[in-house]
PDB file of all heavy atoms in Angstrom:
ATOM      1  N   VAL A   1      14.843  11.033 -16.772  1.00  0.00           N
ATOM      2  CA  VAL A   1      14.367  12.291 -16.168  1.00  0.00           C
ATOM      3  C   VAL A   1      13.816  11.938 -14.794  1.00  0.00           C
ATOM      4  O   VAL A   1      13.298  10.808 -14.564  1.00  0.00           O
ATOM      5  CB  VAL A   1      13.277  12.958 -17.051  1.00  0.00           C
ATOM      6  CG1 VAL A   1      12.021  12.111 -17.099  1.00  0.00           C
ATOM      7  CG2 VAL A   1      12.976  14.349 -16.593  1.00  0.00           C
ATOM      8  N   TRP A   2      13.895  12.913 -13.883  1.00  0.00           N
ATOM      9  CA  TRP A   2      13.382  12.705 -12.511  1.00  0.00           C
ATOM     10  C   TRP A   2      12.410  13.838 -12.246  1.00  0.00           C
ATOM     11  O   TRP A   2      12.778  15.012 -12.118  1.00  0.00           O
ATOM     12  CB  TRP A   2      14.537  12.732 -11.517  1.00  0.00           C
ATOM     13  CG  TRP A   2      14.140  12.290 -10.123  1.00  0.00           C
ATOM     14  CD1 TRP A   2      12.899  12.023  -9.676  1.00  0.00           C
ATOM     15  CD2 TRP A   2      15.036  12.048  -9.016  1.00  0.00           C
ATOM     16  NE1 TRP A   2      12.927  11.644  -8.360  1.00  0.00           N
ATOM     17  CE2 TRP A   2      14.229  11.650  -7.940  1.00  0.00           C
ATOM     18  CE3 TRP A   2      16.407  12.141  -8.859  1.00  0.00           C
ATOM     19  CZ2 TRP A   2      14.778  11.351  -6.691  1.00  0.00           C
ATOM     20  CZ3 TRP A   2      16.942  11.837  -7.628  1.00  0.00           C
ATOM     21  CH2 TRP A   2      16.135  11.454  -6.551  1.00  0.00           C
ATOM     22  N   LEU A   3      11.150  13.492 -12.159  1.00  0.00           N
ATOM     23  CA  LEU A   3      10.059  14.461 -11.889  1.00  0.00           C
ATOM     24  C   LEU A   3       9.791  14.471 -10.403  1.00  0.00           C
ATOM     25  O   LEU A   3       9.535  13.423  -9.789  1.00  0.00           O
ATOM     26  CB  LEU A   3       8.793  14.065 -12.649  1.00  0.00           C
ATOM     27  CG  LEU A   3       7.536  14.918 -12.377  1.00  0.00           C
ATOM     28  CD1 LEU A   3       7.778  16.367 -12.777  1.00  0.00           C
ATOM     29  CD2 LEU A   3       6.348  14.346 -13.143  1.00  0.00           C
ATOM     30  N   ARG A   4       9.838  15.676  -9.805  1.00  0.00           N
ATOM     31  CA  ARG A   4       9.661  15.843  -8.366  1.00  0.00           C
ATOM     32  C   ARG A   4       8.632  16.931  -8.103  1.00  0.00           C
ATOM     33  O   ARG A   4       8.649  17.998  -8.734  1.00  0.00           O
ATOM     34  CB  ARG A   4      10.986  16.184  -7.686  1.00  0.00           C
ATOM     35  CG  ARG A   4      12.023  15.047  -7.828  1.00  0.00           C
ATOM     36  CD  ARG A   4      13.416  15.510  -7.367  1.00  0.00           C
ATOM     37  NE  ARG A   4      13.417  15.885  -5.950  1.00  0.00           N
ATOM     38  CZ  ARG A   4      13.571  15.023  -4.961  1.00  0.00           C
ATOM     39  NH1 ARG A   4      13.732  13.729  -5.214  1.00  0.00           N
ATOM     40  NH2 ARG A   4      13.610  15.453  -3.706  1.00  0.00           N
ATOM     41  N   TYR A   5       7.777  16.691  -7.102  1.00  0.00           N
ATOM     42  CA  TYR A   5       6.722  17.663  -6.781  1.00  0.00           C
ATOM     43  C   TYR A   5       6.289  17.481  -5.325  1.00  0.00           C
ATOM     44  O   TYR A   5       6.474  16.404  -4.744  1.00  0.00           O
ATOM     45  CB  TYR A   5       5.545  17.514  -7.736  1.00  0.00           C
ATOM     46  CG  TYR A   5       4.802  16.183  -7.615  1.00  0.00           C
ATOM     47  CD1 TYR A   5       3.603  16.109  -6.909  1.00  0.00           C
ATOM     48  CD2 TYR A   5       5.321  15.022  -8.184  1.00  0.00           C
ATOM     49  CE1 TYR A   5       2.931  14.891  -6.787  1.00  0.00           C
ATOM     50  CE2 TYR A   5       4.658  13.834  -8.057  1.00  0.00           C
ATOM     51  CZ  TYR A   5       3.443  13.759  -7.345  1.00  0.00           C
ATOM     52  OH  TYR A   5       2.796  12.568  -7.243  1.00  0.00           O
ATOM     53  N   PRO A   6       5.714  18.548  -4.672  1.00  0.00           N
ATOM     54  CA  PRO A   6       5.259  18.423  -3.286  1.00  0.00           C
ATOM     55  C   PRO A   6       3.939  17.670  -3.184  1.00  0.00           C
ATOM     56  O   PRO A   6       3.341  17.304  -4.194  1.00  0.00           O
ATOM     57  CB  PRO A   6       5.143  19.880  -2.827  1.00  0.00           C
ATOM     58  CG  PRO A   6       4.863  20.618  -4.078  1.00  0.00           C
ATOM     59  CD  PRO A   6       5.592  19.899  -5.184  1.00  0.00           C
ATOM     60  N   ASP A   7       3.463  17.485  -1.937  1.00  0.00           N
ATOM     61  CA  ASP A   7       2.268  16.673  -1.749  1.00  0.00           C
ATOM     62  C   ASP A   7       0.967  17.499  -1.860  1.00  0.00           C
ATOM     63  O   ASP A   7      -0.121  16.932  -1.713  1.00  0.00           O
ATOM     64  CB  ASP A   7       2.297  15.983  -0.400  1.00  0.00           C
ATOM     65  CG  ASP A   7       2.397  16.934   0.758  1.00  0.00           C
ATOM     66  OD1 ASP A   7       2.308  18.163   0.545  1.00  0.00           O
ATOM     67  OD2 ASP A   7       2.525  16.465   1.930  1.00  0.00           O
ATOM     68  N   LYS A   8       1.050  18.809  -2.125  1.00  0.00           N
ATOM     69  CA  LYS A   8      -0.147  19.568  -2.331  1.00  0.00           C
ATOM     70  C   LYS A   8       0.158  20.834  -3.126  1.00  0.00           C
ATOM     71  O   LYS A   8       1.316  21.284  -3.171  1.00  0.00           O
ATOM     72  CB  LYS A   8      -0.839  19.926  -1.006  1.00  0.00           C
ATOM     73  CG  LYS A   8       0.003  20.785  -0.087  1.00  0.00           C
ATOM     74  CD  LYS A   8      -0.742  21.081   1.216  1.00  0.00           C
ATOM     75  CE  LYS A   8       0.090  21.938   2.149  1.00  0.00           C
ATOM     76  NZ  LYS A   8      -0.647  22.242   3.426  1.00  0.00           N
ATOM     77  N   ALA A   9      -0.915  21.375  -3.740  1.00  0.00           N
ATOM     78  CA  ALA A   9      -0.763  22.599  -4.523  1.00  0.00           C
ATOM     79  C   ALA A   9      -0.632  23.797  -3.613  1.00  0.00           C
ATOM     80  O   ALA A   9      -1.085  23.808  -2.448  1.00  0.00           O
ATOM     81  CB  ALA A   9      -1.922  22.763  -5.486  1.00  0.00           C
ATOM     82  N   ALA A  10      -0.026  24.851  -4.138  1.00  0.00           N
ATOM     83  CA  ALA A  10       0.098  26.080  -3.387  1.00  0.00           C
ATOM     84  C   ALA A  10      -1.184  26.891  -3.461  1.00  0.00           C
ATOM     85  O   ALA A  10      -2.133  26.532  -4.151  1.00  0.00           O
ATOM     86  CB  ALA A  10       1.272  26.888  -3.935  1.00  0.00           C
ATOM     87  N   ALA A  11      -1.245  27.987  -2.694  1.00  0.00           N
ATOM     88  CA  ALA A  11      -2.397  28.878  -2.733  1.00  0.00           C
ATOM     89  C   ALA A  11      -2.572  29.416  -4.164  1.00  0.00           C
ATOM     90  O   ALA A  11      -1.626  29.843  -4.792  1.00  0.00           O
ATOM     91  CB  ALA A  11      -2.240  30.025  -1.757  1.00  0.00           C
ATOM     92  N   GLY A  12      -3.793  29.384  -4.667  1.00  0.00           N
ATOM     93  CA  GLY A  12      -4.073  29.807  -6.029  1.00  0.00           C
ATOM     94  C   GLY A  12      -4.194  28.660  -6.969  1.00  0.00           C
ATOM     95  O   GLY A  12      -4.501  28.854  -8.155  1.00  0.00           O
ATOM     96  N   GLY A  13      -3.903  27.428  -6.504  1.00  0.00           N
ATOM     97  CA  GLY A  13      -4.088  26.244  -7.313  1.00  0.00           C
ATOM     98  C   GLY A  13      -2.880  25.798  -8.120  1.00  0.00           C
ATOM     99  O   GLY A  13      -2.921  24.747  -8.740  1.00  0.00           O
ATOM    100  N   ARG A  14      -1.787  26.598  -8.117  1.00  0.00           N
ATOM    101  CA  ARG A  14      -0.604  26.161  -8.921  1.00  0.00           C
ATOM    102  C   ARG A  14       0.148  25.109  -8.140  1.00  0.00           C
ATOM    103  O   ARG A  14       0.470  25.255  -6.966  1.00  0.00           O
ATOM    104  CB  ARG A  14       0.296  27.362  -9.169  1.00  0.00           C
ATOM    105  CG  ARG A  14       1.469  27.022 -10.114  1.00  0.00           C
ATOM    106  CD  ARG A  14       2.339  28.239 -10.371  1.00  0.00           C
ATOM    107  NE  ARG A  14       3.370  27.966 -11.350  1.00  0.00           N
ATOM    108  CZ  ARG A  14       4.548  27.405 -11.035  1.00  0.00           C
ATOM    109  NH1 ARG A  14       4.807  27.083  -9.760  1.00  0.00           N
ATOM    110  NH2 ARG A  14       5.438  27.166 -11.986  1.00  0.00           N
ATOM    111  N   TRP A  15       0.447  24.021  -8.829  1.00  0.00           N
ATOM    112  CA  TRP A  15       1.134  22.891  -8.214  1.00  0.00           C
ATOM    113  C   TRP A  15       2.575  22.880  -8.752  1.00  0.00           C
ATOM    114  O   TRP A  15       2.821  22.464  -9.886  1.00  0.00           O
ATOM    115  CB  TRP A  15       0.441  21.562  -8.543  1.00  0.00           C
ATOM    116  CG  TRP A  15       0.705  20.474  -7.529  1.00  0.00           C
ATOM    117  CD1 TRP A  15       1.876  20.196  -6.921  1.00  0.00           C
ATOM    118  CD2 TRP A  15      -0.259  19.553  -7.017  1.00  0.00           C
ATOM    119  NE1 TRP A  15       1.726  19.162  -6.066  1.00  0.00           N
ATOM    120  CE2 TRP A  15       0.433  18.715  -6.107  1.00  0.00           C
ATOM    121  CE3 TRP A  15      -1.589  19.331  -7.247  1.00  0.00           C
ATOM    122  CZ2 TRP A  15      -0.181  17.682  -5.400  1.00  0.00           C
ATOM    123  CZ3 TRP A  15      -2.230  18.287  -6.559  1.00  0.00           C
ATOM    124  CH2 TRP A  15      -1.512  17.491  -5.634  1.00  0.00           C
ATOM    125  N   ALA A  16       3.507  23.368  -7.969  1.00  0.00           N
ATOM    126  CA  ALA A  16       4.880  23.485  -8.405  1.00  0.00           C
ATOM    127  C   ALA A  16       5.476  22.101  -8.637  1.00  0.00           C
ATOM    128  O   ALA A  16       5.205  21.142  -7.886  1.00  0.00           O
ATOM    129  CB  ALA A  16       5.731  24.234  -7.385  1.00  0.00           C
ATOM    130  N   ALA A  17       6.305  21.990  -9.659  1.00  0.00           N
ATOM    131  CA  ALA A  17       6.998  20.737  -9.955  1.00  0.00           C
ATOM    132  C   ALA A  17       8.269  21.080 -10.729  1.00  0.00           C
ATOM    133  O   ALA A  17       8.414  22.160 -11.303  1.00  0.00           O
ATOM    134  CB  ALA A  17       6.091  19.793 -10.776  1.00  0.00           C
ATOM    135  N   ALA A  18       9.180  20.128 -10.751  1.00  0.00           N
ATOM    136  CA  ALA A  18      10.431  20.324 -11.440  1.00  0.00           C
ATOM    137  C   ALA A  18      10.933  19.000 -11.954  1.00  0.00           C
ATOM    138  O   ALA A  18      10.739  17.942 -11.316  1.00  0.00           O
ATOM    139  CB  ALA A  18      11.497  20.963 -10.532  1.00  0.00           C
ATOM    140  N   SER A  19      11.588  18.998 -13.106  1.00  0.00           N
ATOM    141  CA  SER A  19      12.191  17.781 -13.643  1.00  0.00           C
ATOM    142  C   SER A  19      13.690  18.006 -13.695  1.00  0.00           C
ATOM    143  O   SER A  19      14.178  19.099 -14.010  1.00  0.00           O
ATOM    144  CB  SER A  19      11.649  17.481 -15.051  1.00  0.00           C
ATOM    145  OG  SER A  19      11.879  18.568 -15.930  1.00  0.00           O
ATOM    146  N   TYR A  20      14.457  16.944 -13.388  1.00  0.00           N
ATOM    147  CA  TYR A  20      15.879  17.022 -13.298  1.00  0.00           C
ATOM    148  C   TYR A  20      16.514  15.948 -14.170  1.00  0.00           C
ATOM    149  O   TYR A  20      15.934  14.882 -14.410  1.00  0.00           O
ATOM    150  CB  TYR A  20      16.352  16.824 -11.828  1.00  0.00           C
ATOM    151  CG  TYR A  20      15.915  17.905 -10.921  1.00  0.00           C
ATOM    152  CD1 TYR A  20      14.666  17.868 -10.277  1.00  0.00           C
ATOM    153  CD2 TYR A  20      16.742  18.986 -10.629  1.00  0.00           C
ATOM    154  CE1 TYR A  20      14.270  18.848  -9.412  1.00  0.00           C
ATOM    155  CE2 TYR A  20      16.345  19.987  -9.753  1.00  0.00           C
ATOM    156  CZ  TYR A  20      15.112  19.915  -9.157  1.00  0.00           C
ATOM    157  OH  TYR A  20      14.713  20.927  -8.317  1.00  0.00           O
ATOM    158  N   THR A  21      17.704  16.261 -14.660  1.00  0.00           N
ATOM    159  CA  THR A  21      18.495  15.301 -15.412  1.00  0.00           C
ATOM    160  C   THR A  21      19.876  15.174 -14.777  1.00  0.00           C
ATOM    161  O   THR A  21      20.307  16.084 -14.014  1.00  0.00           O
ATOM    162  CB  THR A  21      18.671  15.734 -16.879  1.00  0.00           C
ATOM    163  OG1 THR A  21      19.293  17.019 -16.930  1.00  0.00           O
ATOM    164  CG2 THR A  21      17.308  15.792 -17.574  1.00  0.00           C
ATOM    165  N   ILE A  22      20.559  14.111 -15.063  1.00  0.00           N
ATOM    166  CA  ILE A  22      21.900  13.912 -14.465  1.00  0.00           C
ATOM    167  C   ILE A  22      22.840  14.989 -14.946  1.00  0.00           C
ATOM    168  O   ILE A  22      22.932  15.275 -16.132  1.00  0.00           O
ATOM    169  CB  ILE A  22      22.434  12.507 -14.825  1.00  0.00           C
ATOM    170  CG1 ILE A  22      21.506  11.420 -14.238  1.00  0.00           C
ATOM    171  CG2 ILE A  22      23.854  12.329 -14.346  1.00  0.00           C
ATOM    172  CD1 ILE A  22      21.925  10.014 -14.602  1.00  0.00           C
ATOM    173  N   SER A  23      23.538  15.589 -13.986  1.00  0.00           N
ATOM    174  CA  SER A  23      24.384  16.732 -14.275  1.00  0.00           C
ATOM    175  C   SER A  23      25.789  16.278 -14.646  1.00  0.00           C
ATOM    176  O   SER A  23      26.281  15.264 -14.150  1.00  0.00           O
ATOM    177  CB  SER A  23      24.443  17.683 -13.075  1.00  0.00           C
ATOM    178  OG  SER A  23      25.400  18.701 -13.263  1.00  0.00           O
ATOM    179  N   GLN A  24      26.453  17.080 -15.478  1.00  0.00           N
ATOM    180  CA  GLN A  24      27.866  16.847 -15.784  1.00  0.00           C
ATOM    181  C   GLN A  24      28.775  17.749 -14.965  1.00  0.00           C
ATOM    182  O   GLN A  24      29.979  17.679 -15.059  1.00  0.00           O
ATOM    183  CB  GLN A  24      28.129  17.131 -17.298  1.00  0.00           C
ATOM    184  CG  GLN A  24      27.415  16.173 -18.205  1.00  0.00           C
ATOM    185  CD  GLN A  24      27.864  14.756 -18.004  1.00  0.00           C
ATOM    186  OE1 GLN A  24      29.046  14.403 -18.187  1.00  0.00           O
ATOM    187  NE2 GLN A  24      26.963  13.875 -17.571  1.00  0.00           N
ATOM    188  N   GLU A  25      28.172  18.606 -14.124  1.00  0.00           N
ATOM    189  CA  GLU A  25      28.938  19.515 -13.305  1.00  0.00           C
ATOM    190  C   GLU A  25      29.481  18.796 -12.087  1.00  0.00           C
ATOM    191  O   GLU A  25      28.740  18.109 -11.378  1.00  0.00           O
ATOM    192  CB  GLU A  25      28.040  20.671 -12.861  1.00  0.00           C
ATOM    193  CG  GLU A  25      28.751  21.753 -12.065  1.00  0.00           C
ATOM    194  CD  GLU A  25      27.822  22.876 -11.684  1.00  0.00           C
ATOM    195  OE1 GLU A  25      26.736  22.976 -12.267  1.00  0.00           O
ATOM    196  OE2 GLU A  25      28.192  23.654 -10.760  1.00  0.00           O
ATOM    197  N   GLU A  26      30.767  18.905 -11.839  1.00  0.00           N
ATOM    198  CA  GLU A  26      31.417  18.212 -10.729  1.00  0.00           C
ATOM    199  C   GLU A  26      30.880  18.724  -9.411  1.00  0.00           C
ATOM    200  O   GLU A  26      30.772  19.918  -9.182  1.00  0.00           O
ATOM    201  CB  GLU A  26      32.930  18.400 -10.816  1.00  0.00           C
ATOM    202  CG  GLU A  26      33.711  17.556  -9.804  1.00  0.00           C
ATOM    203  CD  GLU A  26      35.196  17.621 -10.038  1.00  0.00           C
ATOM    204  OE1 GLU A  26      35.594  18.199 -11.043  1.00  0.00           O
ATOM    205  OE2 GLU A  26      35.929  17.133  -9.164  1.00  0.00           O
ATOM    206  N   GLY A  27      30.550  17.799  -8.522  1.00  0.00           N
ATOM    207  CA  GLY A  27      30.032  18.173  -7.223  1.00  0.00           C
ATOM    208  C   GLY A  27      28.531  18.390  -7.165  1.00  0.00           C
ATOM    209  O   GLY A  27      27.975  18.623  -6.080  1.00  0.00           O
ATOM    210  N   ARG A  28      27.875  18.395  -8.321  1.00  0.00           N
ATOM    211  CA  ARG A  28      26.411  18.606  -8.358  1.00  0.00           C
ATOM    212  C   ARG A  28      25.810  17.453  -9.171  1.00  0.00           C
ATOM    213  O   ARG A  28      25.939  17.424 -10.375  1.00  0.00           O
ATOM    214  CB  ARG A  28      26.082  19.943  -8.970  1.00  0.00           C
ATOM    215  CG  ARG A  28      24.596  20.293  -8.931  1.00  0.00           C
ATOM    216  CD  ARG A  28      24.319  21.628  -9.542  1.00  0.00           C
ATOM    217  NE  ARG A  28      22.913  21.961  -9.471  1.00  0.00           N
ATOM    218  CZ  ARG A  28      22.373  23.042 -10.052  1.00  0.00           C
ATOM    219  NH1 ARG A  28      23.165  23.861 -10.731  1.00  0.00           N
ATOM    220  NH2 ARG A  28      21.077  23.284  -9.952  1.00  0.00           N
ATOM    221  N   PRO A  29      25.122  16.528  -8.494  1.00  0.00           N
ATOM    222  CA  PRO A  29      24.663  15.335  -9.226  1.00  0.00           C
ATOM    223  C   PRO A  29      23.516  15.577 -10.194  1.00  0.00           C
ATOM    224  O   PRO A  29      23.422  14.908 -11.220  1.00  0.00           O
ATOM    225  CB  PRO A  29      24.239  14.377  -8.088  1.00  0.00           C
ATOM    226  CG  PRO A  29      23.889  15.291  -6.951  1.00  0.00           C
ATOM    227  CD  PRO A  29      24.821  16.466  -7.060  1.00  0.00           C
ATOM    228  N   TRP A  30      22.616  16.512  -9.898  1.00  0.00           N
ATOM    229  CA  TRP A  30      21.423  16.698 -10.729  1.00  0.00           C
ATOM    230  C   TRP A  30      21.296  18.142 -11.172  1.00  0.00           C
ATOM    231  O   TRP A  30      21.572  19.075 -10.383  1.00  0.00           O
ATOM    232  CB  TRP A  30      20.171  16.276  -9.970  1.00  0.00           C
ATOM    233  CG  TRP A  30      20.123  14.792  -9.701  1.00  0.00           C
ATOM    234  CD1 TRP A  30      20.615  14.142  -8.620  1.00  0.00           C
ATOM    235  CD2 TRP A  30      19.633  13.813 -10.584  1.00  0.00           C
ATOM    236  NE1 TRP A  30      20.453  12.816  -8.741  1.00  0.00           N
ATOM    237  CE2 TRP A  30      19.831  12.546  -9.944  1.00  0.00           C
ATOM    238  CE3 TRP A  30      19.015  13.837 -11.841  1.00  0.00           C
ATOM    239  CZ2 TRP A  30      19.431  11.350 -10.528  1.00  0.00           C
ATOM    240  CZ3 TRP A  30      18.615  12.639 -12.409  1.00  0.00           C
ATOM    241  CH2 TRP A  30      18.837  11.422 -11.762  1.00  0.00           C
ATOM    242  N   ALA A  31      20.893  18.317 -12.411  1.00  0.00           N
ATOM    243  CA  ALA A  31      20.731  19.642 -12.985  1.00  0.00           C
ATOM    244  C   ALA A  31      19.233  19.863 -13.288  1.00  0.00           C
ATOM    245  O   ALA A  31      18.551  18.941 -13.757  1.00  0.00           O
ATOM    246  CB  ALA A  31      21.541  19.809 -14.263  1.00  0.00           C
ATOM    247  N   LEU A  32      18.753  21.047 -12.975  1.00  0.00           N
ATOM    248  CA  LEU A  32      17.359  21.388 -13.268  1.00  0.00           C
ATOM    249  C   LEU A  32      17.127  21.462 -14.767  1.00  0.00           C
ATOM    250  O   LEU A  32      17.790  22.233 -15.478  1.00  0.00           O
ATOM    251  CB  LEU A  32      17.010  22.719 -12.595  1.00  0.00           C
ATOM    252  CG  LEU A  32      15.566  23.231 -12.862  1.00  0.00           C
ATOM    253  CD1 LEU A  32      14.548  22.284 -12.237  1.00  0.00           C
ATOM    254  CD2 LEU A  32      15.423  24.642 -12.309  1.00  0.00           C
TER     255      LEU A  32
END
């Protein structure tokens, strides 16, 4: 798994983040 997030939280305190896995879709390496 690849966890990715920005260097600071957004207004309101929510810190956006997303995890990705290797995709099986041709032309797209990573799937959310």
